[in-house]
Amino acid sequence: MRGQLIRRILAAAALGGTAVLAAAAPGQAATTTGTQAAAKAKYIQASGYTGKKVHFTWAGPSVGAIAWTVGSDFVATKTNAYRSCNSNWTGVNIDASWNSESLHNGAKIGMLISVKLSNGRSKGIVALTVSHAANWPGHPAFGGEYHANVYTPGNVHVVQGRILSWISNGGVPYGGSTDTLTLQQFRRC
């Protein structure tokens, strides 16, 4: 009996790689499955850049005619690796840019940056007041300058980014302009 066992072991060794591969295959399959699951993470991502949007208005007698430029980069990611894309929260990263070189005599740029959801609701992300003259882009860094978590129940997701901007002179708003961007959708659900 002992001899038969040894012969079987030697026969398995003589087959060489086949026995070893069969023994390694289950572990290999588990690793591959884990990698494939990570590669198939569930998410909905929406992104886009408005580009430079130039606006012009009359801002009262002390300021006169004035121009300003705004722009923003939007990235919204709704993810839940465990329950398809039905997470209730979406992370939104925004880089806002502006050119306020023409600000003078106390004029300020007001900006309200928001997103529109697929259910028609809008969510404000950040409100900014720019009171100093600065050339484009108006701030020192990019890479998600402002971040917010937006409540997006079920299959609701971000579809648009918006910048409402205006000049304020002595607390009086002039020349409100809205720049709307339909965000490009990437979906893996």
N, C-alpha and C. Protein backbone atom coordinates (compact mmCIF):
# COMPACT_ATOMS: atom_id res chain seq x y z
N MET A 1 0.82 -1.18 0.00
CA MET A 1 0.00 0.00 0.00
C MET A 1 0.87 1.25 0.00
N ARG A 2 1.92 1.17 0.81
CA ARG A 2 2.84 2.29 0.85
C ARG A 2 3.51 2.47 -0.50
N GLY A 3 3.82 1.41 -1.17
CA GLY A 3 4.46 1.46 -2.48
C GLY A 3 3.54 2.11 -3.52
N GLN A 4 2.26 1.79 -3.44
CA GLN A 4 1.32 2.39 -4.38
C GLN A 4 1.24 3.91 -4.19
N LEU A 5 1.28 4.33 -2.94
CA LEU A 5 1.22 5.76 -2.64
C LEU A 5 2.45 6.47 -3.21
N ILE A 6 3.62 5.83 -3.03
CA ILE A 6 4.85 6.43 -3.55
C ILE A 6 4.80 6.48 -5.07
N ARG A 7 4.31 5.39 -5.71
CA ARG A 7 4.21 5.39 -7.17
C ARG A 7 3.27 6.50 -7.65
N ARG A 8 2.19 6.73 -6.95
CA ARG A 8 1.26 7.78 -7.36
C ARG A 8 1.90 9.16 -7.23
N ILE A 9 2.66 9.34 -6.15
CA ILE A 9 3.35 10.62 -5.97
C ILE A 9 4.37 10.82 -7.08
N LEU A 10 5.13 9.75 -7.38
CA LEU A 10 6.12 9.84 -8.45
C LEU A 10 5.45 10.06 -9.80
N ALA A 11 4.31 9.44 -10.04
CA ALA A 11 3.60 9.62 -11.30
C ALA A 11 3.11 11.07 -11.42
N ALA A 12 2.64 11.63 -10.31
CA ALA A 12 2.21 13.03 -10.32
C ALA A 12 3.40 13.94 -10.56
N ALA A 13 4.53 13.63 -9.96
CA ALA A 13 5.73 14.43 -10.18
C ALA A 13 6.22 14.30 -11.61
N ALA A 14 6.08 13.10 -12.19
CA ALA A 14 6.51 12.89 -13.57
C ALA A 14 5.65 13.71 -14.52
N LEU A 15 4.39 13.89 -14.19
CA LEU A 15 3.54 14.74 -15.01
C LEU A 15 3.94 16.21 -14.85
N GLY A 16 4.70 16.46 -13.80
CA GLY A 16 5.32 17.77 -13.60
C GLY A 16 4.33 18.89 -13.41
N GLY A 17 4.38 19.81 -14.33
CA GLY A 17 3.63 21.05 -14.22
C GLY A 17 2.14 20.86 -14.07
N THR A 18 1.59 19.76 -14.57
CA THR A 18 0.15 19.60 -14.53
C THR A 18 -0.36 19.58 -13.10
N ALA A 19 0.28 18.82 -12.24
CA ALA A 19 -0.16 18.74 -10.85
C ALA A 19 0.06 20.07 -10.15
N VAL A 20 1.18 20.67 -10.40
CA VAL A 20 1.49 21.95 -9.76
C VAL A 20 0.50 23.02 -10.24
N LEU A 21 0.23 23.06 -11.54
CA LEU A 21 -0.72 24.04 -12.06
C LEU A 21 -2.11 23.81 -11.50
N ALA A 22 -2.50 22.56 -11.37
CA ALA A 22 -3.82 22.28 -10.83
C ALA A 22 -3.90 22.75 -9.39
N ALA A 23 -2.81 22.58 -8.65
CA ALA A 23 -2.79 23.02 -7.25
C ALA A 23 -2.77 24.55 -7.17
N ALA A 24 -2.10 25.18 -8.11
CA ALA A 24 -2.00 26.65 -8.07
C ALA A 24 -3.22 27.34 -8.66
N ALA A 25 -3.94 26.64 -9.50
CA ALA A 25 -5.05 27.28 -10.21
C ALA A 25 -6.11 27.89 -9.29
N PRO A 26 -6.56 27.20 -8.21
CA PRO A 26 -7.58 27.83 -7.38
C PRO A 26 -7.13 29.15 -6.77
N GLY A 27 -5.89 29.23 -6.27
CA GLY A 27 -5.37 30.49 -5.72
C GLY A 27 -5.25 31.55 -6.79
N GLN A 28 -4.80 31.13 -7.95
CA GLN A 28 -4.67 32.05 -9.08
C GLN A 28 -6.03 32.60 -9.47
N ALA A 29 -7.03 31.74 -9.51
CA ALA A 29 -8.37 32.16 -9.89
C ALA A 29 -8.92 33.16 -8.88
N ALA A 30 -8.65 32.95 -7.59
CA ALA A 30 -9.13 33.88 -6.56
C ALA A 30 -8.49 35.26 -6.74
N THR A 31 -7.20 35.27 -7.03
CA THR A 31 -6.52 36.55 -7.24
C THR A 31 -7.08 37.24 -8.48
N THR A 32 -7.26 36.51 -9.55
CA THR A 32 -7.78 37.09 -10.78
C THR A 32 -9.20 37.61 -10.56
N THR A 33 -10.02 36.85 -9.84
CA THR A 33 -11.39 37.28 -9.57
C THR A 33 -11.38 38.57 -8.75
N GLY A 34 -10.51 38.67 -7.75
CA GLY A 34 -10.41 39.89 -6.94
C GLY A 34 -9.98 41.08 -7.77
N THR A 35 -9.05 40.88 -8.67
CA THR A 35 -8.59 41.96 -9.55
C THR A 35 -9.70 42.38 -10.50
N GLN A 36 -10.41 41.39 -11.05
CA GLN A 36 -11.51 41.70 -11.96
C GLN A 36 -12.62 42.46 -11.24
N ALA A 37 -12.90 42.10 -9.99
CA ALA A 37 -13.94 42.81 -9.23
C ALA A 37 -13.55 44.26 -9.01
N ALA A 38 -12.28 44.49 -8.69
CA ALA A 38 -11.82 45.87 -8.50
C ALA A 38 -11.90 46.65 -9.80
N ALA A 39 -11.58 45.98 -10.91
CA ALA A 39 -11.64 46.66 -12.20
C ALA A 39 -13.07 46.95 -12.62
N LYS A 40 -14.03 46.23 -12.06
CA LYS A 40 -15.43 46.42 -12.40
C LYS A 40 -16.17 47.20 -11.31
N ALA A 41 -15.49 48.06 -10.59
CA ALA A 41 -16.14 48.86 -9.56
C ALA A 41 -17.30 49.64 -10.18
N LYS A 42 -18.35 49.80 -9.42
CA LYS A 42 -19.55 50.46 -9.92
C LYS A 42 -19.44 51.96 -9.68
N TYR A 43 -19.74 52.75 -10.71
CA TYR A 43 -19.70 54.19 -10.54
C TYR A 43 -20.46 54.89 -11.66
N ILE A 44 -20.82 56.14 -11.36
CA ILE A 44 -21.31 57.07 -12.38
C ILE A 44 -20.44 58.30 -12.22
N GLN A 45 -19.78 58.71 -13.27
CA GLN A 45 -18.94 59.90 -13.20
C GLN A 45 -19.38 60.89 -14.28
N ALA A 46 -19.41 62.15 -13.89
CA ALA A 46 -19.77 63.22 -14.82
C ALA A 46 -18.68 64.28 -14.71
N SER A 47 -18.20 64.77 -15.85
CA SER A 47 -17.15 65.77 -15.79
C SER A 47 -17.21 66.69 -17.00
N GLY A 48 -16.55 67.84 -16.85
CA GLY A 48 -16.48 68.79 -17.94
C GLY A 48 -15.86 70.10 -17.50
N TYR A 49 -15.50 70.91 -18.48
CA TYR A 49 -14.89 72.22 -18.24
C TYR A 49 -15.64 73.26 -19.05
N THR A 50 -16.04 74.33 -18.40
CA THR A 50 -16.82 75.35 -19.09
C THR A 50 -16.00 76.13 -20.10
N GLY A 51 -14.70 76.19 -19.90
CA GLY A 51 -13.88 77.08 -20.70
C GLY A 51 -13.98 78.49 -20.13
N LYS A 52 -13.25 79.41 -20.71
CA LYS A 52 -13.30 80.81 -20.26
C LYS A 52 -14.56 81.46 -20.80
N LYS A 53 -15.37 81.99 -19.91
CA LYS A 53 -16.60 82.69 -20.29
C LYS A 53 -16.45 84.17 -19.94
N VAL A 54 -16.42 85.02 -20.95
CA VAL A 54 -16.21 86.45 -20.76
C VAL A 54 -17.57 87.15 -20.68
N HIS A 55 -17.70 88.04 -19.70
CA HIS A 55 -18.94 88.79 -19.50
C HIS A 55 -18.62 90.28 -19.41
N PHE A 56 -19.62 91.08 -19.72
CA PHE A 56 -19.45 92.52 -19.76
C PHE A 56 -20.72 93.17 -19.25
N THR A 57 -20.59 94.23 -18.42
CA THR A 57 -21.77 94.93 -17.95
C THR A 57 -21.41 96.35 -17.53
N TRP A 58 -22.43 97.13 -17.37
CA TRP A 58 -22.32 98.46 -16.77
C TRP A 58 -22.51 98.25 -15.28
N ALA A 59 -21.61 98.81 -14.45
CA ALA A 59 -21.66 98.59 -13.01
C ALA A 59 -21.81 99.89 -12.23
N GLY A 60 -22.53 100.83 -12.77
CA GLY A 60 -22.77 102.07 -12.07
C GLY A 60 -21.76 103.13 -12.44
N PRO A 61 -22.05 104.39 -12.09
CA PRO A 61 -21.18 105.50 -12.51
C PRO A 61 -19.77 105.46 -11.92
N SER A 62 -19.60 104.93 -10.71
CA SER A 62 -18.26 104.93 -10.11
C SER A 62 -17.35 103.87 -10.73
N VAL A 63 -17.91 102.84 -11.33
CA VAL A 63 -17.12 101.76 -11.95
C VAL A 63 -17.20 101.84 -13.46
N GLY A 64 -18.36 102.12 -14.00
CA GLY A 64 -18.52 102.19 -15.45
C GLY A 64 -18.66 100.81 -16.06
N ALA A 65 -18.26 100.67 -17.30
CA ALA A 65 -18.31 99.38 -18.00
C ALA A 65 -17.19 98.50 -17.48
N ILE A 66 -17.48 97.23 -17.27
CA ILE A 66 -16.49 96.31 -16.71
C ILE A 66 -16.68 94.93 -17.32
N ALA A 67 -15.58 94.24 -17.51
CA ALA A 67 -15.61 92.88 -18.04
C ALA A 67 -14.96 91.95 -17.01
N TRP A 68 -15.41 90.71 -17.00
CA TRP A 68 -14.81 89.69 -16.14
C TRP A 68 -14.93 88.35 -16.83
N THR A 69 -14.09 87.43 -16.42
CA THR A 69 -14.06 86.09 -17.02
C THR A 69 -14.18 85.07 -15.90
N VAL A 70 -15.00 84.04 -16.12
CA VAL A 70 -15.11 82.94 -15.16
C VAL A 70 -15.03 81.62 -15.92
N GLY A 71 -14.71 80.57 -15.20
CA GLY A 71 -14.68 79.23 -15.77
C GLY A 71 -14.60 78.24 -14.63
N SER A 72 -14.98 77.01 -14.90
CA SER A 72 -14.91 76.00 -13.85
C SER A 72 -14.79 74.61 -14.45
N ASP A 73 -14.08 73.77 -13.72
CA ASP A 73 -13.92 72.37 -14.05
C ASP A 73 -14.74 71.58 -13.03
N PHE A 74 -15.58 70.67 -13.50
CA PHE A 74 -16.44 69.88 -12.62
C PHE A 74 -16.09 68.40 -12.76
N VAL A 75 -15.99 67.68 -11.62
CA VAL A 75 -15.88 66.23 -11.62
C VAL A 75 -16.79 65.72 -10.50
N ALA A 76 -17.80 64.94 -10.87
CA ALA A 76 -18.74 64.37 -9.89
C ALA A 76 -18.68 62.86 -10.00
N THR A 77 -18.46 62.18 -8.87
CA THR A 77 -18.35 60.72 -8.89
C THR A 77 -19.28 60.12 -7.86
N LYS A 78 -20.16 59.28 -8.33
CA LYS A 78 -21.07 58.52 -7.47
C LYS A 78 -20.61 57.08 -7.54
N THR A 79 -20.20 56.52 -6.41
CA THR A 79 -19.66 55.16 -6.46
C THR A 79 -20.09 54.36 -5.26
N ASN A 80 -20.26 53.08 -5.49
CA ASN A 80 -20.53 52.12 -4.43
C ASN A 80 -20.17 50.77 -5.01
N ALA A 81 -19.03 50.24 -4.61
CA ALA A 81 -18.52 49.00 -5.19
C ALA A 81 -19.36 47.79 -4.78
N TYR A 82 -20.27 47.97 -3.83
CA TYR A 82 -21.00 46.81 -3.31
C TYR A 82 -22.45 46.73 -3.78
N ARG A 83 -23.08 47.86 -4.13
CA ARG A 83 -24.51 47.83 -4.47
C ARG A 83 -24.77 48.56 -5.78
N SER A 84 -24.15 48.18 -6.81
CA SER A 84 -24.25 48.83 -8.12
C SER A 84 -24.03 50.32 -7.97
N CYS A 85 -24.81 51.16 -8.62
CA CYS A 85 -24.61 52.61 -8.57
C CYS A 85 -25.63 53.29 -7.67
N ASN A 86 -26.21 52.58 -6.74
CA ASN A 86 -27.28 53.12 -5.92
C ASN A 86 -26.80 53.76 -4.63
N SER A 87 -25.60 54.30 -4.61
CA SER A 87 -25.13 55.06 -3.46
C SER A 87 -26.00 56.30 -3.32
N ASN A 88 -26.14 56.80 -2.11
CA ASN A 88 -26.95 58.00 -1.88
C ASN A 88 -26.12 59.28 -1.88
N TRP A 89 -24.83 59.20 -2.16
CA TRP A 89 -23.97 60.38 -2.12
C TRP A 89 -23.07 60.44 -3.33
N THR A 90 -22.85 61.66 -3.82
CA THR A 90 -21.94 61.91 -4.93
C THR A 90 -20.92 62.93 -4.48
N GLY A 91 -19.65 62.63 -4.68
CA GLY A 91 -18.59 63.58 -4.38
C GLY A 91 -18.40 64.50 -5.57
N VAL A 92 -18.38 65.81 -5.33
CA VAL A 92 -18.21 66.79 -6.40
C VAL A 92 -16.96 67.60 -6.13
N ASN A 93 -16.05 67.63 -7.09
CA ASN A 93 -14.83 68.45 -7.02
C ASN A 93 -14.95 69.55 -8.07
N ILE A 94 -14.63 70.76 -7.65
CA ILE A 94 -14.75 71.92 -8.54
C ILE A 94 -13.49 72.77 -8.45
N ASP A 95 -12.99 73.16 -9.60
CA ASP A 95 -11.94 74.17 -9.70
C ASP A 95 -12.58 75.39 -10.34
N ALA A 96 -12.66 76.46 -9.60
CA ALA A 96 -13.22 77.71 -10.14
C ALA A 96 -12.08 78.62 -10.56
N SER A 97 -12.27 79.31 -11.67
CA SER A 97 -11.25 80.23 -12.19
C SER A 97 -11.90 81.56 -12.53
N TRP A 98 -11.10 82.63 -12.47
CA TRP A 98 -11.64 83.94 -12.82
C TRP A 98 -10.52 84.89 -13.22
N ASN A 99 -10.91 85.92 -13.94
CA ASN A 99 -10.02 87.02 -14.27
C ASN A 99 -10.72 88.27 -13.76
N SER A 100 -10.10 88.90 -12.78
CA SER A 100 -10.71 90.08 -12.17
C SER A 100 -9.80 91.30 -12.30
N GLU A 101 -8.97 91.31 -13.33
CA GLU A 101 -8.02 92.42 -13.52
C GLU A 101 -8.71 93.77 -13.61
N SER A 102 -9.93 93.79 -14.09
CA SER A 102 -10.60 95.07 -14.30
C SER A 102 -11.33 95.59 -13.05
N LEU A 103 -11.27 94.86 -11.94
CA LEU A 103 -11.94 95.35 -10.72
C LEU A 103 -11.28 96.64 -10.23
N HIS A 104 -12.10 97.63 -9.92
CA HIS A 104 -11.60 98.89 -9.37
C HIS A 104 -12.75 99.61 -8.66
N ASN A 105 -12.40 100.59 -7.86
CA ASN A 105 -13.39 101.41 -7.13
C ASN A 105 -14.37 100.58 -6.30
N GLY A 106 -13.88 99.50 -5.68
CA GLY A 106 -14.72 98.70 -4.79
C GLY A 106 -15.59 97.66 -5.45
N ALA A 107 -15.51 97.52 -6.77
CA ALA A 107 -16.32 96.49 -7.45
C ALA A 107 -15.82 95.10 -7.06
N LYS A 108 -16.73 94.14 -7.01
CA LYS A 108 -16.42 92.75 -6.67
C LYS A 108 -17.12 91.82 -7.65
N ILE A 109 -16.55 90.63 -7.82
CA ILE A 109 -17.20 89.58 -8.60
C ILE A 109 -17.86 88.63 -7.61
N GLY A 110 -19.13 88.35 -7.82
CA GLY A 110 -19.82 87.32 -7.05
C GLY A 110 -20.01 86.10 -7.92
N MET A 111 -19.80 84.92 -7.34
CA MET A 111 -20.00 83.67 -8.08
C MET A 111 -20.73 82.67 -7.21
N LEU A 112 -21.71 82.01 -7.79
CA LEU A 112 -22.40 80.91 -7.15
C LEU A 112 -22.25 79.71 -8.07
N ILE A 113 -21.58 78.68 -7.59
CA ILE A 113 -21.32 77.49 -8.40
C ILE A 113 -22.20 76.37 -7.88
N SER A 114 -22.93 75.73 -8.79
CA SER A 114 -23.87 74.70 -8.40
C SER A 114 -23.88 73.57 -9.43
N VAL A 115 -24.58 72.49 -9.08
CA VAL A 115 -24.78 71.39 -10.01
C VAL A 115 -26.27 71.11 -10.12
N LYS A 116 -26.68 70.60 -11.27
CA LYS A 116 -28.07 70.19 -11.48
C LYS A 116 -28.09 68.67 -11.51
N LEU A 117 -29.08 68.09 -10.83
CA LEU A 117 -29.20 66.65 -10.74
C LEU A 117 -30.18 66.13 -11.79
N SER A 118 -30.15 64.83 -12.03
CA SER A 118 -31.03 64.21 -13.03
C SER A 118 -32.50 64.28 -12.64
N ASN A 119 -32.80 64.56 -11.37
CA ASN A 119 -34.20 64.71 -10.96
C ASN A 119 -34.68 66.16 -11.07
N GLY A 120 -33.85 67.05 -11.65
CA GLY A 120 -34.23 68.44 -11.88
C GLY A 120 -33.86 69.40 -10.76
N ARG A 121 -33.42 68.89 -9.62
CA ARG A 121 -33.05 69.76 -8.50
C ARG A 121 -31.64 70.30 -8.68
N SER A 122 -31.40 71.47 -8.10
CA SER A 122 -30.05 72.06 -8.12
C SER A 122 -29.49 72.07 -6.72
N LYS A 123 -28.18 71.91 -6.62
CA LYS A 123 -27.49 71.92 -5.33
C LYS A 123 -26.34 72.90 -5.41
N GLY A 124 -26.34 73.91 -4.54
CA GLY A 124 -25.24 74.86 -4.48
C GLY A 124 -24.00 74.20 -3.90
N ILE A 125 -22.85 74.49 -4.48
CA ILE A 125 -21.60 73.90 -4.01
C ILE A 125 -20.77 74.94 -3.27
N VAL A 126 -20.56 76.10 -3.89
CA VAL A 126 -19.73 77.13 -3.26
C VAL A 126 -20.16 78.51 -3.76
N ALA A 127 -20.11 79.48 -2.85
CA ALA A 127 -20.35 80.88 -3.20
C ALA A 127 -19.05 81.64 -2.94
N LEU A 128 -18.63 82.43 -3.91
CA LEU A 128 -17.35 83.15 -3.81
C LEU A 128 -17.57 84.64 -4.04
N THR A 129 -16.77 85.43 -3.35
CA THR A 129 -16.70 86.86 -3.62
C THR A 129 -15.25 87.20 -3.89
N VAL A 130 -14.98 87.76 -5.06
CA VAL A 130 -13.62 88.13 -5.45
C VAL A 130 -13.54 89.65 -5.36
N SER A 131 -12.65 90.11 -4.49
CA SER A 131 -12.56 91.56 -4.29
C SER A 131 -11.22 92.15 -4.70
N HIS A 132 -10.29 91.32 -5.11
CA HIS A 132 -8.97 91.83 -5.53
C HIS A 132 -8.75 91.54 -7.02
N ALA A 133 -8.02 92.42 -7.64
CA ALA A 133 -7.71 92.25 -9.05
C ALA A 133 -6.69 91.12 -9.22
N ALA A 134 -7.00 90.16 -10.09
CA ALA A 134 -6.10 89.04 -10.35
C ALA A 134 -6.30 88.58 -11.78
N ASN A 135 -5.20 88.18 -12.43
CA ASN A 135 -5.34 87.67 -13.79
C ASN A 135 -5.70 86.19 -13.74
N TRP A 136 -6.02 85.62 -14.91
CA TRP A 136 -6.44 84.22 -15.00
C TRP A 136 -5.34 83.32 -14.49
N PRO A 137 -5.59 82.32 -13.66
CA PRO A 137 -6.88 81.77 -13.26
C PRO A 137 -7.43 82.35 -11.96
N GLY A 138 -6.78 83.30 -11.32
CA GLY A 138 -7.33 83.96 -10.14
C GLY A 138 -7.08 83.24 -8.83
N HIS A 139 -6.48 82.07 -8.86
CA HIS A 139 -6.18 81.33 -7.64
C HIS A 139 -4.91 80.51 -7.87
N PRO A 140 -4.27 80.03 -6.81
CA PRO A 140 -2.96 79.41 -6.96
C PRO A 140 -2.92 77.96 -7.45
N ALA A 141 -3.98 77.18 -7.31
CA ALA A 141 -3.84 75.76 -7.60
C ALA A 141 -5.10 75.15 -8.20
N PHE A 142 -4.91 74.02 -8.88
CA PHE A 142 -6.02 73.24 -9.42
C PHE A 142 -6.07 71.92 -8.67
N GLY A 143 -6.96 71.03 -9.06
CA GLY A 143 -7.01 69.69 -8.46
C GLY A 143 -8.09 69.54 -7.41
N GLY A 144 -9.27 70.04 -7.65
CA GLY A 144 -10.35 69.88 -6.69
C GLY A 144 -10.29 70.92 -5.60
N GLU A 145 -10.24 72.18 -5.98
CA GLU A 145 -10.13 73.28 -5.04
C GLU A 145 -11.29 73.30 -4.04
N TYR A 146 -12.49 72.97 -4.51
CA TYR A 146 -13.66 72.90 -3.64
C TYR A 146 -14.26 71.52 -3.75
N HIS A 147 -14.66 70.95 -2.61
CA HIS A 147 -15.24 69.60 -2.61
C HIS A 147 -16.51 69.61 -1.78
N ALA A 148 -17.52 68.91 -2.26
CA ALA A 148 -18.77 68.77 -1.52
C ALA A 148 -19.35 67.39 -1.77
N ASN A 149 -20.10 66.90 -0.81
CA ASN A 149 -20.87 65.68 -0.99
C ASN A 149 -22.32 66.10 -1.20
N VAL A 150 -22.91 65.61 -2.28
CA VAL A 150 -24.26 65.97 -2.65
C VAL A 150 -25.15 64.74 -2.49
N TYR A 151 -26.29 64.92 -1.84
CA TYR A 151 -27.24 63.83 -1.64
C TYR A 151 -27.91 63.50 -2.99
N THR A 152 -27.71 62.26 -3.44
CA THR A 152 -28.25 61.80 -4.73
C THR A 152 -28.86 60.41 -4.53
N PRO A 153 -30.09 60.34 -4.06
CA PRO A 153 -30.68 59.03 -3.76
C PRO A 153 -30.94 58.19 -5.00
N GLY A 154 -30.82 56.87 -4.85
CA GLY A 154 -31.12 55.94 -5.94
C GLY A 154 -30.30 56.18 -7.19
N ASN A 155 -30.96 56.29 -8.32
CA ASN A 155 -30.27 56.50 -9.59
C ASN A 155 -30.09 57.97 -9.94
N VAL A 156 -30.35 58.87 -9.02
CA VAL A 156 -30.15 60.30 -9.27
C VAL A 156 -28.65 60.55 -9.38
N HIS A 157 -28.25 61.37 -10.36
CA HIS A 157 -26.83 61.68 -10.55
C HIS A 157 -26.68 63.11 -11.08
N VAL A 158 -25.47 63.61 -11.07
CA VAL A 158 -25.18 64.98 -11.51
C VAL A 158 -25.16 65.01 -13.03
N VAL A 159 -25.85 66.01 -13.63
CA VAL A 159 -25.90 66.11 -15.09
C VAL A 159 -25.37 67.43 -15.63
N GLN A 160 -25.38 68.50 -14.81
CA GLN A 160 -24.90 69.81 -15.29
C GLN A 160 -24.11 70.52 -14.21
N GLY A 161 -23.20 71.37 -14.66
CA GLY A 161 -22.49 72.29 -13.79
C GLY A 161 -22.89 73.71 -14.18
N ARG A 162 -23.00 74.60 -13.19
CA ARG A 162 -23.43 75.98 -13.47
C ARG A 162 -22.59 76.97 -12.69
N ILE A 163 -22.32 78.10 -13.34
CA ILE A 163 -21.67 79.23 -12.68
C ILE A 163 -22.57 80.45 -12.90
N LEU A 164 -23.07 81.00 -11.83
CA LEU A 164 -23.79 82.27 -11.88
C LEU A 164 -22.80 83.32 -11.40
N SER A 165 -22.52 84.34 -12.21
CA SER A 165 -21.56 85.37 -11.81
C SER A 165 -22.13 86.75 -12.08
N TRP A 166 -21.69 87.73 -11.30
CA TRP A 166 -22.17 89.09 -11.43
C TRP A 166 -21.14 90.04 -10.83
N ILE A 167 -21.29 91.31 -11.13
CA ILE A 167 -20.47 92.36 -10.51
C ILE A 167 -21.31 93.01 -9.41
N SER A 168 -20.68 93.23 -8.29
CA SER A 168 -21.33 93.92 -7.18
C SER A 168 -20.59 95.23 -6.94
N ASN A 169 -21.35 96.32 -6.91
CA ASN A 169 -20.77 97.64 -6.68
C ASN A 169 -21.58 98.29 -5.56
N GLY A 170 -20.96 98.43 -4.39
CA GLY A 170 -21.66 99.01 -3.25
C GLY A 170 -22.85 98.17 -2.82
N GLY A 171 -22.77 96.85 -2.99
CA GLY A 171 -23.85 95.96 -2.61
C GLY A 171 -24.94 95.81 -3.65
N VAL A 172 -24.84 96.53 -4.76
CA VAL A 172 -25.84 96.45 -5.83
C VAL A 172 -25.30 95.51 -6.92
N PRO A 173 -26.07 94.44 -7.27
CA PRO A 173 -25.60 93.51 -8.31
C PRO A 173 -25.86 94.05 -9.71
N TYR A 174 -24.88 93.82 -10.58
CA TYR A 174 -24.98 94.22 -11.99
C TYR A 174 -24.60 93.03 -12.87
N GLY A 175 -25.35 92.87 -13.97
CA GLY A 175 -24.94 91.94 -15.04
C GLY A 175 -24.87 90.48 -14.68
N GLY A 176 -25.86 89.93 -14.03
CA GLY A 176 -25.85 88.50 -13.72
C GLY A 176 -25.81 87.64 -14.97
N SER A 177 -24.90 86.68 -15.02
CA SER A 177 -24.76 85.78 -16.17
C SER A 177 -24.62 84.36 -15.67
N THR A 178 -25.29 83.44 -16.34
CA THR A 178 -25.21 82.03 -15.98
C THR A 178 -24.55 81.26 -17.12
N ASP A 179 -23.53 80.51 -16.78
CA ASP A 179 -22.86 79.62 -17.73
C ASP A 179 -23.19 78.19 -17.30
N THR A 180 -23.83 77.44 -18.20
CA THR A 180 -24.26 76.08 -17.90
C THR A 180 -23.52 75.11 -18.80
N LEU A 181 -23.09 74.02 -18.22
CA LEU A 181 -22.35 72.99 -18.95
C LEU A 181 -23.01 71.64 -18.70
N THR A 182 -23.42 70.95 -19.76
CA THR A 182 -23.89 69.58 -19.63
C THR A 182 -22.67 68.69 -19.52
N LEU A 183 -22.58 67.97 -18.43
CA LEU A 183 -21.39 67.18 -18.14
C LEU A 183 -21.41 65.85 -18.90
N GLN A 184 -20.22 65.46 -19.34
CA GLN A 184 -20.09 64.18 -20.05
C GLN A 184 -20.22 63.05 -19.04
N GLN A 185 -21.05 62.07 -19.34
CA GLN A 185 -21.35 60.98 -18.41
C GLN A 185 -20.51 59.74 -18.73
N PHE A 186 -19.96 59.13 -17.68
CA PHE A 186 -19.27 57.85 -17.77
C PHE A 186 -19.97 56.93 -16.78
N ARG A 187 -20.42 55.78 -17.24
CA ARG A 187 -21.24 54.93 -16.38
C ARG A 187 -20.72 53.49 -16.43
N ARG A 188 -20.56 52.89 -15.26
CA ARG A 188 -20.26 51.46 -15.16
C ARG A 188 -21.10 50.93 -14.01
N CYS A 189 -22.31 50.50 -14.33
CA CYS A 189 -23.24 50.02 -13.29
C CYS A 189 -23.57 48.57 -13.52
